[in-house]
């Protein structure tokens, strides 16, 4: 079993994996798979194992700080930081959507440091991008971005590592819509 299959199995173990459906994500894109991120992160054993895989991918990068937007990225950052060698510190970016910032008490922990930005799910990449901008404003060096799931075909100008990626489509290009076999479902977390 390859690493991607192991990740899928871990996520499925939490009851958070919905496959072979027809979902409309918050980005407006459509896809056949949905991961209930809150169920994944609530399972500390699974969240820890997923974050270890992210840390392992970046072992050679000499990461000094791991950060992410509140909530999901902020929940993941301490796990990832813990698994890095040497140990990194973890801080989180506060604020909402277009306004991400770091409290003055942690700014000196970012300036001049090698920083990894983590996020639970990438839909449009906007939250992670705002964190990248906040890190750069404070003089940190972003060396990569990582997420559990990229469900928006998101890319950055920095190396991106995602544990799970599934094809997503604009509504007019969605093969599931075109086939007409499945109605669009509301993801379980939005019920």
Protein backbone atom coordinates (compact mmCIF):
# COMPACT_ATOMS: atom_id res chain seq x y z
CA UNK A 1 0.00 0.00 0.00
CA UNK A 2 1.48 3.36 -1.01
CA UNK A 3 1.54 6.46 1.20
CA UNK A 4 -1.50 8.08 -0.46
CA UNK A 5 -3.54 4.93 0.16
CA UNK A 6 -2.40 4.88 3.80
CA UNK A 7 -3.50 8.50 4.19
CA UNK A 8 -6.90 7.73 2.64
CA UNK A 9 -7.26 4.78 5.02
CA UNK A 10 -6.39 6.95 8.04
CA UNK A 11 -8.94 9.57 7.03
CA UNK A 12 -11.59 6.92 6.34
CA UNK A 13 -11.01 5.50 9.84
CA UNK A 14 -12.39 8.75 11.30
CA UNK A 15 -15.65 8.47 9.35
CA UNK A 16 -14.70 11.65 7.51
CA UNK A 17 -14.26 10.33 3.97
CA UNK A 18 -17.18 10.44 1.52
CA UNK A 19 -16.41 8.99 -1.90
CA UNK A 20 -18.25 8.49 -5.17
CA UNK A 21 -20.58 11.42 -4.58
CA UNK A 22 -21.17 14.75 -6.28
CA UNK A 23 -20.21 17.64 -4.02
CA UNK A 24 -20.12 21.41 -4.37
CA UNK A 25 -17.22 22.75 -2.28
CA UNK A 26 -17.17 26.17 -0.65
CA UNK A 27 -15.01 27.37 -3.58
CA UNK A 28 -17.90 26.59 -5.94
CA UNK A 29 -15.93 23.77 -7.58
CA UNK A 30 -17.42 20.28 -7.90
CA UNK A 31 -15.87 16.91 -7.12
CA UNK A 32 -16.66 13.31 -6.24
CA UNK A 33 -14.91 13.14 -2.86
CA UNK A 34 -15.50 15.02 0.37
CA UNK A 35 -13.35 14.99 3.51
CA UNK A 36 -14.96 16.25 6.72
CA UNK A 37 -11.92 18.10 8.06
CA UNK A 38 -13.33 18.68 11.55
CA UNK A 39 -13.70 14.93 12.10
CA UNK A 40 -10.14 14.35 10.92
CA UNK A 41 -8.61 16.98 13.22
CA UNK A 42 -10.77 15.91 16.18
CA UNK A 43 -9.12 12.48 16.07
CA UNK A 44 -5.77 13.30 17.67
CA UNK A 45 -4.17 9.99 16.69
CA UNK A 46 -5.04 10.45 13.01
CA UNK A 47 -4.25 14.18 12.99
CA UNK A 48 -0.85 13.44 14.55
CA UNK A 49 -0.03 10.79 11.93
CA UNK A 50 -1.05 13.09 9.07
CA UNK A 51 1.03 15.95 10.48
CA UNK A 52 4.00 13.60 10.86
CA UNK A 53 3.80 12.90 7.12
CA UNK A 54 3.87 16.63 6.41
CA UNK A 55 6.85 17.14 8.73
CA UNK A 56 8.66 14.19 7.13
CA UNK A 57 8.26 15.76 3.69
CA UNK A 58 10.00 18.93 4.95
CA UNK A 59 12.71 17.33 7.15
CA UNK A 60 15.56 18.59 4.96
CA UNK A 61 14.28 22.17 4.81
CA UNK A 62 15.51 23.25 8.27
CA UNK A 63 12.10 24.70 9.19
CA UNK A 64 12.25 26.95 12.25
CA UNK A 65 8.61 28.04 12.50
CA UNK A 66 5.35 26.36 11.55
CA UNK A 67 2.29 28.55 11.20
CA UNK A 68 -1.19 28.47 9.78
CA UNK A 69 -4.48 30.30 9.86
CA UNK A 70 -6.86 29.69 12.70
CA UNK A 71 -8.53 27.18 13.06
CA UNK A 72 -7.37 24.16 11.05
CA UNK A 73 -3.85 25.31 10.29
CA UNK A 74 -3.41 26.53 13.86
CA UNK A 75 -4.48 23.10 15.14
CA UNK A 76 -1.99 21.34 12.85
CA UNK A 77 1.03 23.62 13.37
CA UNK A 78 2.07 22.28 16.83
CA UNK A 79 1.98 18.66 15.60
CA UNK A 80 4.07 19.44 12.53
CA UNK A 81 6.53 21.56 14.56
CA UNK A 82 6.92 18.77 17.11
CA UNK A 83 7.87 16.19 14.48
CA UNK A 84 10.48 18.34 12.74
CA UNK A 85 14.17 17.91 13.60
CA UNK A 86 15.43 20.07 15.05
CA UNK A 87 12.16 20.99 16.73
CA UNK A 88 10.44 24.06 15.30
CA UNK A 89 8.21 26.48 17.12
CA UNK A 90 4.54 26.93 16.33
CA UNK A 91 2.65 30.20 16.04
CA UNK A 92 -0.66 30.94 14.40
CA UNK A 93 -1.94 33.77 12.32
CA UNK A 94 -4.99 35.50 13.68
CA UNK A 95 -7.69 37.42 11.87
CA UNK A 96 -10.31 36.61 9.30
CA UNK A 97 -10.16 35.98 5.57
CA UNK A 98 -8.36 39.00 4.09
CA UNK A 99 -6.77 40.21 7.32
CA UNK A 100 -4.24 37.72 8.73
CA UNK A 101 -1.67 38.95 11.21
CA UNK A 102 0.58 37.86 14.07
CA UNK A 103 0.34 39.23 17.58
CA UNK A 104 3.21 41.56 18.49
CA UNK A 105 4.37 39.03 21.11
CA UNK A 106 5.35 36.49 18.40
CA UNK A 107 6.64 38.76 15.62
CA UNK A 108 10.26 38.28 16.73
CA UNK A 109 9.76 34.51 16.46
CA UNK A 110 9.10 34.89 12.72
CA UNK A 111 11.56 37.57 11.58
CA UNK A 112 14.53 36.02 9.79
CA UNK A 113 13.23 32.47 10.26
CA UNK A 114 12.47 29.65 7.80
CA UNK A 115 8.69 29.20 7.92
CA UNK A 116 6.32 26.45 6.82
CA UNK A 117 2.66 27.41 6.33
CA UNK A 118 0.16 24.61 7.04
CA UNK A 119 -3.56 24.41 6.37
CA UNK A 120 -6.17 21.68 6.73
CA UNK A 121 -8.02 22.18 3.43
CA UNK A 122 -7.18 24.37 0.45
CA UNK A 123 -10.28 25.53 -1.43
CA UNK A 124 -9.11 28.75 -3.03
CA UNK A 125 -5.83 29.06 -1.12
CA UNK A 126 -6.84 32.51 0.12
CA UNK A 127 -6.31 31.86 3.83
CA UNK A 128 -2.89 30.31 3.28
CA UNK A 129 -1.94 33.16 0.93
CA UNK A 130 -2.89 35.76 3.58
CA UNK A 131 -0.69 33.88 6.10
CA UNK A 132 2.18 33.85 3.59
CA UNK A 133 1.79 37.62 3.22
CA UNK A 134 1.74 38.06 7.01
CA UNK A 135 4.93 36.00 7.35
CA UNK A 136 6.63 38.08 4.65
CA UNK A 137 5.51 41.35 6.30
CA UNK A 138 7.26 40.19 9.48
CA UNK A 139 10.48 39.28 7.65
CA UNK A 140 10.05 35.51 7.69
CA UNK A 141 11.19 33.30 4.81
CA UNK A 142 8.40 31.03 3.58
CA UNK A 143 9.95 27.76 2.44
CA UNK A 144 6.79 25.81 1.71
CA UNK A 145 3.07 25.29 2.12
CA UNK A 146 1.41 22.05 3.19
CA UNK A 147 -2.17 20.87 3.54
CA UNK A 148 -4.05 17.72 4.32
CA UNK A 149 -6.33 18.19 1.33
CA UNK A 150 -6.14 20.32 -1.80
CA UNK A 151 -9.67 20.40 -3.16
CA UNK A 152 -9.32 23.53 -5.24
CA UNK A 153 -6.46 22.81 -7.65
CA UNK A 154 -4.54 25.43 -5.64
CA UNK A 155 -0.92 26.35 -6.37
CA UNK A 156 1.50 28.82 -4.80
CA UNK A 157 4.82 30.32 -5.78
CA UNK A 158 6.31 28.20 -2.97
CA UNK A 159 6.63 24.42 -2.93
CA UNK A 160 3.27 22.86 -2.08
CA UNK A 161 2.82 19.44 -0.48
CA UNK A 162 -0.65 17.97 -0.01
CA UNK A 163 -1.49 14.59 1.47
CA UNK A 164 -4.72 14.25 -0.52
CA UNK A 165 -5.63 15.73 -3.89
CA UNK A 166 -8.70 14.95 -5.92
CA UNK A 167 -9.81 16.32 -9.24
CA UNK A 168 -12.16 19.25 -8.98
CA UNK A 169 -14.10 20.98 -11.73
CA UNK A 170 -15.81 24.20 -12.55
CA UNK A 171 -19.57 23.50 -12.58
CA UNK A 172 -19.80 23.84 -16.36
CA UNK A 173 -16.90 21.41 -16.84
CA UNK A 174 -17.92 18.84 -14.23
CA UNK A 175 -18.16 15.34 -15.78
CA UNK A 176 -20.53 14.25 -13.00
CA UNK A 177 -22.92 17.09 -13.90
CA UNK A 178 -22.60 16.26 -17.59
CA UNK A 179 -23.37 12.58 -16.95
CA UNK A 180 -26.51 13.60 -15.06
CA UNK A 181 -26.35 10.54 -12.83
CA UNK A 182 -25.95 12.20 -9.43
CA UNK A 183 -27.50 15.38 -8.08
CA UNK A 184 -25.16 17.87 -6.41
CA UNK A 185 -24.95 17.11 -2.69
CA UNK A 186 -24.40 19.49 0.17
CA UNK A 187 -21.32 18.35 2.08
CA UNK A 188 -22.24 16.78 5.44
CA UNK A 189 -20.61 19.59 7.45
CA UNK A 190 -23.01 22.14 5.95
CA UNK A 191 -26.22 20.36 6.94
